[in-house]
């Protein structure tokens, strides 16, 4: 938008610029997956209800989104990764390529932008069961990168059959 020859940056432009900076080292398909998760949680965030969004890219290349379902009884909460994985598997995906999870800050927190986060322990277990060949997009040493899901849960328990 221009007014009297001055360029005014809109809030959306500013957000897009920050997303581009954080994801600039990722390949285009991983950048798109991360941006989808960020925009999704921005649009769906409700304090004390939905604070994590996840995006999964299936083997087909299609992206599936999932929203964290927070409940008053913690054991009933459902992680965003589980919702997205369920959507992908329900749609017929047989392989999962990549997964990214993004946390939206609460209004009173200092940082105001959603951040890529690592899956919780329960999700690590679930993902190694249902998406063993997948990579997780997460921050390592302050840089977003792909990490094999198996690296997040070494020496995983397996039933001997």
N, C-alpha and C. Protein backbone atom coordinates (compact mmCIF):
# COMPACT_ATOMS: atom_id res chain seq x y z
N UNK A 1 0.85 -1.16 0.00
CA UNK A 1 0.00 0.00 0.00
C UNK A 1 0.91 1.23 0.00
N UNK A 2 0.60 2.23 -0.80
CA UNK A 2 1.42 3.44 -0.85
C UNK A 2 0.55 4.66 -0.55
N UNK A 3 1.07 5.53 0.28
CA UNK A 3 0.39 6.79 0.60
C UNK A 3 1.41 7.90 0.44
N UNK A 4 1.13 8.86 -0.45
CA UNK A 4 2.04 9.98 -0.71
C UNK A 4 3.47 9.50 -0.95
N UNK A 5 3.62 8.45 -1.73
CA UNK A 5 4.94 7.96 -2.09
C UNK A 5 5.63 7.14 -1.01
N UNK A 6 5.02 6.94 0.16
CA UNK A 6 5.61 6.14 1.22
C UNK A 6 5.06 4.73 1.15
N UNK A 7 5.92 3.79 1.38
CA UNK A 7 5.47 2.40 1.41
C UNK A 7 5.11 2.04 2.84
N UNK A 8 3.92 1.54 3.04
CA UNK A 8 3.48 1.13 4.37
C UNK A 8 3.37 -0.38 4.38
N UNK A 9 4.07 -0.99 5.32
CA UNK A 9 4.05 -2.44 5.44
C UNK A 9 2.85 -2.85 6.28
N UNK A 10 2.03 -3.72 5.75
CA UNK A 10 0.88 -4.19 6.51
C UNK A 10 1.32 -5.25 7.49
N UNK A 11 0.50 -5.55 8.47
CA UNK A 11 0.80 -6.58 9.46
C UNK A 11 1.01 -7.92 8.77
N UNK A 12 0.19 -8.21 7.78
CA UNK A 12 0.33 -9.47 7.05
C UNK A 12 1.69 -9.53 6.34
N UNK A 13 2.11 -8.43 5.70
CA UNK A 13 3.42 -8.39 5.05
C UNK A 13 4.53 -8.66 6.06
N UNK A 14 4.41 -8.07 7.24
CA UNK A 14 5.41 -8.23 8.29
C UNK A 14 5.48 -9.70 8.73
N UNK A 15 4.32 -10.33 8.91
CA UNK A 15 4.27 -11.74 9.30
C UNK A 15 4.92 -12.61 8.24
N UNK A 16 4.58 -12.35 6.97
CA UNK A 16 5.14 -13.13 5.88
C UNK A 16 6.65 -12.99 5.84
N UNK A 17 7.16 -11.80 6.12
CA UNK A 17 8.59 -11.56 6.12
C UNK A 17 9.26 -12.38 7.23
N UNK A 18 8.67 -12.40 8.44
CA UNK A 18 9.22 -13.17 9.54
C UNK A 18 9.22 -14.66 9.24
N UNK A 19 8.12 -15.15 8.65
CA UNK A 19 8.05 -16.56 8.28
C UNK A 19 9.14 -16.88 7.27
N UNK A 20 9.30 -16.02 6.28
CA UNK A 20 10.32 -16.25 5.25
C UNK A 20 11.71 -16.30 5.87
N UNK A 21 12.00 -15.44 6.84
CA UNK A 21 13.31 -15.45 7.50
C UNK A 21 13.54 -16.75 8.25
N UNK A 22 12.54 -17.21 9.01
CA UNK A 22 12.69 -18.41 9.82
C UNK A 22 12.81 -19.67 8.98
N UNK A 23 12.19 -19.69 7.82
CA UNK A 23 12.16 -20.90 7.01
C UNK A 23 13.09 -20.83 5.80
N UNK A 24 13.88 -19.78 5.68
CA UNK A 24 14.68 -19.55 4.47
C UNK A 24 15.68 -20.66 4.17
N UNK A 25 16.16 -21.37 5.18
CA UNK A 25 17.14 -22.44 4.93
C UNK A 25 16.49 -23.75 4.50
N UNK A 26 15.17 -23.84 4.57
CA UNK A 26 14.48 -25.09 4.21
C UNK A 26 14.27 -25.18 2.70
N UNK A 27 14.21 -26.40 2.17
CA UNK A 27 13.84 -26.55 0.75
C UNK A 27 12.41 -26.06 0.55
N UNK A 28 12.04 -25.68 -0.66
CA UNK A 28 10.70 -25.09 -0.92
C UNK A 28 9.53 -25.92 -0.39
N UNK A 29 9.57 -27.25 -0.54
CA UNK A 29 8.43 -28.05 -0.08
C UNK A 29 8.31 -28.06 1.44
N UNK A 30 9.44 -28.06 2.16
CA UNK A 30 9.41 -28.00 3.62
C UNK A 30 9.02 -26.61 4.10
N UNK A 31 9.45 -25.58 3.37
CA UNK A 31 9.05 -24.20 3.69
C UNK A 31 7.54 -24.06 3.56
N UNK A 32 6.98 -24.60 2.49
CA UNK A 32 5.53 -24.53 2.28
C UNK A 32 4.78 -25.27 3.37
N UNK A 33 5.30 -26.42 3.79
CA UNK A 33 4.66 -27.19 4.86
C UNK A 33 4.68 -26.41 6.17
N UNK A 34 5.81 -25.82 6.50
CA UNK A 34 5.95 -25.03 7.73
C UNK A 34 5.05 -23.80 7.69
N UNK A 35 5.03 -23.12 6.56
CA UNK A 35 4.17 -21.93 6.44
C UNK A 35 2.70 -22.31 6.55
N UNK A 36 2.32 -23.47 6.03
CA UNK A 36 0.92 -23.92 6.15
C UNK A 36 0.56 -24.12 7.62
N UNK A 37 1.46 -24.73 8.40
CA UNK A 37 1.19 -24.95 9.82
C UNK A 37 1.11 -23.62 10.58
N UNK A 38 1.99 -22.69 10.25
CA UNK A 38 1.99 -21.38 10.92
C UNK A 38 0.70 -20.63 10.63
N UNK A 39 0.33 -20.56 9.37
CA UNK A 39 -0.90 -19.84 9.01
C UNK A 39 -2.14 -20.53 9.60
N UNK A 40 -2.11 -21.85 9.65
CA UNK A 40 -3.23 -22.61 10.20
C UNK A 40 -3.44 -22.29 11.68
N UNK A 41 -2.37 -22.33 12.48
CA UNK A 41 -2.55 -22.07 13.92
C UNK A 41 -2.89 -20.60 14.15
N UNK A 42 -2.38 -19.71 13.33
CA UNK A 42 -2.77 -18.29 13.46
C UNK A 42 -4.28 -18.13 13.26
N UNK A 43 -4.81 -18.83 12.29
CA UNK A 43 -6.23 -18.70 11.97
C UNK A 43 -7.12 -19.42 12.99
N UNK A 44 -6.62 -20.49 13.61
CA UNK A 44 -7.46 -21.31 14.49
C UNK A 44 -7.17 -21.18 15.97
N UNK A 45 -6.17 -20.40 16.35
CA UNK A 45 -5.79 -20.29 17.76
C UNK A 45 -6.95 -19.78 18.62
N UNK A 46 -7.20 -20.49 19.71
CA UNK A 46 -8.14 -20.06 20.74
C UNK A 46 -7.45 -20.39 22.06
N UNK A 47 -7.25 -19.38 22.90
CA UNK A 47 -6.55 -19.60 24.16
C UNK A 47 -7.25 -20.68 24.98
N UNK A 48 -6.47 -21.57 25.56
CA UNK A 48 -6.94 -22.68 26.39
C UNK A 48 -7.76 -23.73 25.61
N UNK A 49 -7.70 -23.69 24.30
CA UNK A 49 -8.39 -24.68 23.47
C UNK A 49 -7.47 -25.24 22.39
N UNK A 50 -6.87 -24.34 21.60
CA UNK A 50 -6.05 -24.77 20.47
C UNK A 50 -4.78 -23.92 20.44
N UNK A 51 -3.63 -24.50 20.78
CA UNK A 51 -2.41 -23.71 20.74
C UNK A 51 -1.30 -24.36 19.91
N UNK A 52 -1.54 -25.56 19.40
CA UNK A 52 -0.58 -26.22 18.51
C UNK A 52 -1.29 -26.58 17.22
N UNK A 53 -0.61 -26.31 16.12
CA UNK A 53 -1.08 -26.74 14.80
C UNK A 53 0.00 -27.62 14.19
N UNK A 54 -0.40 -28.62 13.44
CA UNK A 54 0.57 -29.49 12.79
C UNK A 54 0.21 -29.62 11.32
N UNK A 55 1.24 -29.79 10.51
CA UNK A 55 1.05 -30.04 9.08
C UNK A 55 1.87 -31.28 8.73
N UNK A 56 1.26 -32.16 7.96
CA UNK A 56 1.90 -33.40 7.52
C UNK A 56 1.82 -33.45 6.01
N UNK A 57 2.94 -33.80 5.39
CA UNK A 57 2.94 -34.03 3.95
C UNK A 57 3.02 -35.54 3.73
N UNK A 58 1.98 -36.05 3.08
CA UNK A 58 1.95 -37.48 2.79
C UNK A 58 2.85 -37.80 1.61
N UNK A 59 3.03 -39.08 1.36
CA UNK A 59 3.84 -39.53 0.24
C UNK A 59 3.32 -39.02 -1.10
N UNK A 60 2.03 -38.71 -1.16
CA UNK A 60 1.43 -38.19 -2.39
C UNK A 60 1.80 -36.73 -2.64
N UNK A 61 2.34 -36.07 -1.61
CA UNK A 61 2.65 -34.64 -1.71
C UNK A 61 1.56 -33.76 -1.12
N UNK A 62 0.42 -34.36 -0.82
CA UNK A 62 -0.69 -33.60 -0.25
C UNK A 62 -0.41 -33.23 1.21
N UNK A 63 -0.87 -32.04 1.63
CA UNK A 63 -0.67 -31.56 3.00
C UNK A 63 -1.96 -31.74 3.80
N UNK A 64 -1.80 -32.24 5.03
CA UNK A 64 -2.91 -32.44 5.96
C UNK A 64 -2.62 -31.63 7.21
N UNK A 65 -3.65 -30.96 7.72
CA UNK A 65 -3.49 -30.10 8.89
C UNK A 65 -4.22 -30.69 10.09
N UNK A 66 -3.68 -30.43 11.27
CA UNK A 66 -4.30 -30.91 12.49
C UNK A 66 -4.22 -29.84 13.57
N UNK A 67 -5.21 -29.79 14.41
CA UNK A 67 -5.33 -28.79 15.46
C UNK A 67 -5.34 -29.49 16.82
N UNK A 68 -4.53 -28.99 17.76
CA UNK A 68 -4.51 -29.51 19.12
C UNK A 68 -5.87 -29.26 19.77
N UNK A 69 -6.39 -30.26 20.45
CA UNK A 69 -7.68 -30.15 21.13
C UNK A 69 -7.42 -30.22 22.63
N UNK A 70 -7.35 -29.08 23.26
CA UNK A 70 -7.06 -29.01 24.69
C UNK A 70 -8.37 -29.20 25.46
N UNK A 71 -8.30 -29.92 26.57
CA UNK A 71 -9.48 -30.14 27.39
C UNK A 71 -9.15 -29.81 28.84
N UNK A 72 -10.18 -29.68 29.64
CA UNK A 72 -9.97 -29.41 31.06
C UNK A 72 -9.37 -30.61 31.78
N UNK A 73 -9.67 -31.80 31.28
CA UNK A 73 -9.08 -33.02 31.81
C UNK A 73 -7.96 -33.38 30.85
N UNK A 74 -6.71 -33.17 31.28
CA UNK A 74 -5.56 -33.31 30.41
C UNK A 74 -5.45 -34.61 29.64
N UNK A 75 -5.84 -35.72 30.25
CA UNK A 75 -5.73 -37.01 29.58
C UNK A 75 -6.64 -37.10 28.37
N UNK A 76 -7.63 -36.23 28.28
CA UNK A 76 -8.55 -36.26 27.14
C UNK A 76 -8.07 -35.40 25.98
N UNK A 77 -7.03 -34.60 26.18
CA UNK A 77 -6.51 -33.74 25.12
C UNK A 77 -5.95 -34.59 23.99
N UNK A 78 -6.03 -34.04 22.78
CA UNK A 78 -5.52 -34.73 21.60
C UNK A 78 -4.53 -33.80 20.92
N UNK A 79 -3.35 -34.32 20.63
CA UNK A 79 -2.30 -33.52 20.01
C UNK A 79 -2.60 -33.26 18.54
N UNK A 80 -2.12 -32.13 18.05
CA UNK A 80 -2.32 -31.74 16.66
C UNK A 80 -1.70 -32.76 15.70
N UNK A 81 -0.56 -33.32 16.09
CA UNK A 81 0.10 -34.30 15.23
C UNK A 81 -0.79 -35.52 15.01
N UNK A 82 -1.49 -35.95 16.07
CA UNK A 82 -2.39 -37.10 15.96
C UNK A 82 -3.57 -36.79 15.04
N UNK A 83 -4.10 -35.57 15.15
CA UNK A 83 -5.23 -35.18 14.31
C UNK A 83 -4.79 -35.14 12.84
N UNK A 84 -3.62 -34.54 12.56
CA UNK A 84 -3.13 -34.45 11.18
C UNK A 84 -2.80 -35.84 10.63
N UNK A 85 -2.17 -36.68 11.45
CA UNK A 85 -1.82 -38.03 11.01
C UNK A 85 -3.09 -38.84 10.71
N UNK A 86 -4.09 -38.71 11.57
CA UNK A 86 -5.36 -39.40 11.34
C UNK A 86 -6.01 -38.97 10.04
N UNK A 87 -5.94 -37.67 9.74
CA UNK A 87 -6.51 -37.16 8.48
C UNK A 87 -5.77 -37.74 7.28
N UNK A 88 -4.43 -37.79 7.37
CA UNK A 88 -3.62 -38.32 6.26
C UNK A 88 -3.91 -39.80 6.04
N UNK A 89 -3.92 -40.58 7.10
CA UNK A 89 -4.16 -42.01 6.97
C UNK A 89 -5.59 -42.28 6.51
N UNK A 90 -6.54 -41.49 6.99
CA UNK A 90 -7.94 -41.65 6.58
C UNK A 90 -8.14 -41.34 5.10
N UNK A 91 -7.31 -40.45 4.58
CA UNK A 91 -7.40 -40.07 3.16
C UNK A 91 -6.70 -41.10 2.26
N UNK A 92 -6.06 -42.09 2.87
CA UNK A 92 -5.44 -43.15 2.09
C UNK A 92 -3.93 -43.06 1.95
N UNK A 93 -3.30 -42.11 2.63
CA UNK A 93 -1.84 -42.04 2.57
C UNK A 93 -1.25 -43.31 3.18
N UNK A 94 -0.24 -43.85 2.53
CA UNK A 94 0.43 -45.04 3.05
C UNK A 94 1.83 -44.72 3.57
N UNK A 95 2.35 -43.57 3.18
CA UNK A 95 3.64 -43.11 3.70
C UNK A 95 3.54 -41.64 4.06
N UNK A 96 4.33 -41.26 5.03
CA UNK A 96 4.38 -39.86 5.47
C UNK A 96 5.79 -39.37 5.22
N UNK A 97 5.91 -38.23 4.54
CA UNK A 97 7.22 -37.67 4.21
C UNK A 97 7.75 -36.77 5.33
N UNK A 98 6.95 -35.79 5.74
CA UNK A 98 7.45 -34.81 6.72
C UNK A 98 6.31 -34.30 7.60
N UNK A 99 6.70 -33.88 8.80
CA UNK A 99 5.76 -33.39 9.80
C UNK A 99 6.37 -32.16 10.46
N UNK A 100 5.53 -31.15 10.70
CA UNK A 100 5.99 -29.97 11.45
C UNK A 100 4.88 -29.56 12.41
N UNK A 101 5.29 -29.16 13.61
CA UNK A 101 4.35 -28.70 14.64
C UNK A 101 4.70 -27.26 15.01
N UNK A 102 3.68 -26.45 15.22
CA UNK A 102 3.88 -25.03 15.51
C UNK A 102 3.04 -24.65 16.72
N UNK A 103 3.67 -23.95 17.66
CA UNK A 103 2.98 -23.50 18.87
C UNK A 103 2.68 -22.00 18.75
N UNK A 104 1.43 -21.66 19.02
CA UNK A 104 1.01 -20.25 19.07
C UNK A 104 1.20 -19.75 20.49
N UNK A 105 1.85 -18.60 20.68
CA UNK A 105 2.04 -18.08 22.04
C UNK A 105 0.72 -17.60 22.64
N UNK A 106 0.66 -17.64 23.96
CA UNK A 106 -0.49 -17.05 24.65
C UNK A 106 -0.36 -15.53 24.60
N UNK A 107 -1.44 -14.80 24.69
CA UNK A 107 -1.38 -13.34 24.55
C UNK A 107 -0.42 -12.64 25.52
N UNK A 108 -0.21 -13.19 26.70
CA UNK A 108 0.64 -12.53 27.69
C UNK A 108 2.13 -12.92 27.57
N UNK A 109 2.48 -13.80 26.64
CA UNK A 109 3.87 -14.19 26.46
C UNK A 109 4.64 -13.12 25.69
N UNK A 110 5.95 -13.07 25.92
CA UNK A 110 6.78 -12.05 25.30
C UNK A 110 6.86 -12.20 23.79
N UNK A 111 7.17 -13.39 23.30
CA UNK A 111 7.26 -13.53 21.85
C UNK A 111 5.85 -13.65 21.29
N UNK A 112 5.60 -12.93 20.22
CA UNK A 112 4.24 -12.85 19.70
C UNK A 112 4.02 -13.70 18.45
N UNK A 113 5.05 -14.40 18.00
CA UNK A 113 4.93 -15.17 16.77
C UNK A 113 4.91 -16.66 17.05
N UNK A 114 4.14 -17.41 16.27
CA UNK A 114 4.18 -18.87 16.39
C UNK A 114 5.58 -19.40 16.13
N UNK A 115 5.94 -20.48 16.83
CA UNK A 115 7.27 -21.08 16.72
C UNK A 115 7.16 -22.57 16.43
N UNK A 116 8.06 -23.06 15.62
CA UNK A 116 8.14 -24.49 15.35
C UNK A 116 8.62 -25.16 16.64
N UNK A 117 7.95 -26.25 17.01
CA UNK A 117 8.29 -26.98 18.23
C UNK A 117 8.49 -28.46 17.91
N UNK A 118 9.16 -29.13 18.80
CA UNK A 118 9.39 -30.57 18.69
C UNK A 118 8.14 -31.30 19.19
N UNK A 119 7.82 -32.46 18.62
CA UNK A 119 6.67 -33.22 19.11
C UNK A 119 6.88 -33.68 20.55
N UNK A 120 5.81 -33.81 21.29
CA UNK A 120 5.89 -34.31 22.67
C UNK A 120 6.26 -35.80 22.65
N UNK A 121 6.52 -36.36 23.81
CA UNK A 121 6.92 -37.76 23.91
C UNK A 121 5.87 -38.73 23.38
N UNK A 122 4.62 -38.47 23.68
CA UNK A 122 3.55 -39.35 23.20
C UNK A 122 3.48 -39.32 21.68
N UNK A 123 3.63 -38.13 21.09
CA UNK A 123 3.60 -38.02 19.63
C UNK A 123 4.82 -38.68 19.00
N UNK A 124 5.95 -38.59 19.66
CA UNK A 124 7.14 -39.28 19.15
C UNK A 124 6.89 -40.78 19.06
N UNK A 125 6.28 -41.31 20.09
CA UNK A 125 5.94 -42.74 20.10
C UNK A 125 4.96 -43.07 18.97
N UNK A 126 3.91 -42.27 18.85
CA UNK A 126 2.89 -42.50 17.82
C UNK A 126 3.50 -42.39 16.42
N UNK A 127 4.33 -41.38 16.20
CA UNK A 127 4.90 -41.16 14.88
C UNK A 127 5.88 -42.27 14.50
N UNK A 128 6.62 -42.79 15.47
CA UNK A 128 7.51 -43.91 15.13
C UNK A 128 6.72 -45.18 14.81
N UNK A 129 5.51 -45.29 15.33
CA UNK A 129 4.65 -46.43 15.00
C UNK A 129 4.00 -46.28 13.63
N UNK A 130 3.44 -45.10 13.34
CA UNK A 130 2.62 -44.90 12.15
C UNK A 130 3.33 -44.18 11.00
N UNK A 131 4.46 -43.55 11.26
CA UNK A 131 5.19 -42.84 10.21
C UNK A 131 6.69 -43.04 10.41
N UNK A 132 7.14 -44.29 10.46
CA UNK A 132 8.54 -44.56 10.82
C UNK A 132 9.56 -43.99 9.84
N UNK A 133 9.19 -43.75 8.61
CA UNK A 133 10.12 -43.20 7.63
C UNK A 133 10.07 -41.69 7.50
N UNK A 134 9.27 -41.06 8.33
CA UNK A 134 9.05 -39.61 8.21
C UNK A 134 10.19 -38.81 8.85
N UNK A 135 10.30 -37.58 8.41
CA UNK A 135 11.20 -36.61 9.03
C UNK A 135 10.36 -35.57 9.74
N UNK A 136 10.90 -35.07 10.85
CA UNK A 136 10.28 -34.00 11.61
C UNK A 136 11.04 -32.72 11.30
N UNK A 137 10.33 -31.66 10.98
CA UNK A 137 10.96 -30.36 10.81
C UNK A 137 10.94 -29.70 12.18
N UNK A 138 12.14 -29.42 12.70
CA UNK A 138 12.24 -28.85 14.04
C UNK A 138 13.51 -28.02 14.14
N UNK A 139 13.62 -27.29 15.23
CA UNK A 139 14.78 -26.45 15.45
C UNK A 139 15.87 -27.24 16.16
N UNK A 140 17.07 -27.19 15.61
CA UNK A 140 18.26 -27.76 16.25
C UNK A 140 19.32 -26.67 16.21
N UNK A 141 19.81 -26.27 17.38
CA UNK A 141 20.80 -25.20 17.49
C UNK A 141 20.29 -23.92 16.82
N UNK A 142 18.96 -23.68 16.94
CA UNK A 142 18.37 -22.45 16.42
C UNK A 142 18.13 -22.44 14.93
N UNK A 143 18.30 -23.58 14.27
CA UNK A 143 18.11 -23.66 12.82
C UNK A 143 17.06 -24.73 12.52
N UNK A 144 16.09 -24.40 11.67
CA UNK A 144 15.09 -25.39 11.28
C UNK A 144 15.73 -26.40 10.35
N UNK A 145 15.50 -27.68 10.66
CA UNK A 145 16.06 -28.75 9.83
C UNK A 145 15.19 -30.00 9.95
N UNK A 146 15.42 -30.95 9.06
CA UNK A 146 14.72 -32.23 9.08
C UNK A 146 15.48 -33.20 9.97
N UNK A 147 14.75 -33.90 10.82
CA UNK A 147 15.32 -34.90 11.72
C UNK A 147 14.48 -36.17 11.56
N UNK A 148 15.12 -37.30 11.36
CA UNK A 148 14.39 -38.57 11.23
C UNK A 148 13.62 -38.84 12.52
N UNK A 149 12.38 -39.25 12.40
CA UNK A 149 11.54 -39.47 13.57
C UNK A 149 12.18 -40.47 14.53
N UNK A 150 12.88 -41.45 14.01
CA UNK A 150 13.53 -42.45 14.86
C UNK A 150 14.62 -41.87 15.75
N UNK A 151 15.23 -40.75 15.33
CA UNK A 151 16.25 -40.10 16.16
C UNK A 151 15.65 -39.49 17.42
N UNK A 152 14.36 -39.19 17.37
CA UNK A 152 13.70 -38.55 18.51
C UNK A 152 13.28 -39.54 19.58
N UNK A 153 13.34 -40.83 19.25
CA UNK A 153 12.95 -41.86 20.21
C UNK A 153 13.88 -43.06 20.06
N UNK A 154 15.12 -42.90 20.52
CA UNK A 154 16.08 -44.01 20.38
C UNK A 154 15.67 -45.18 21.28
N UNK A 155 16.04 -46.35 20.86
CA UNK A 155 15.77 -47.58 21.63
C UNK A 155 14.29 -47.74 21.97
N UNK A 156 13.46 -47.45 21.00
CA UNK A 156 12.00 -47.54 21.17
C UNK A 156 11.59 -48.96 21.58
N UNK A 157 10.65 -49.03 22.46
CA UNK A 157 10.08 -50.32 22.87
C UNK A 157 9.36 -50.95 21.67
N UNK A 158 9.61 -52.21 21.45
CA UNK A 158 8.92 -52.95 20.39
C UNK A 158 8.50 -54.30 20.95
N UNK A 159 7.29 -54.72 20.63
CA UNK A 159 6.84 -56.05 21.03
C UNK A 159 7.56 -57.09 20.22
N UNK A 160 8.04 -58.09 20.87
CA UNK A 160 8.67 -59.21 20.16
C UNK A 160 7.54 -60.14 19.70
N UNK A 161 7.49 -60.37 18.43
CA UNK A 161 6.44 -61.25 17.88
C UNK A 161 7.01 -62.59 17.49
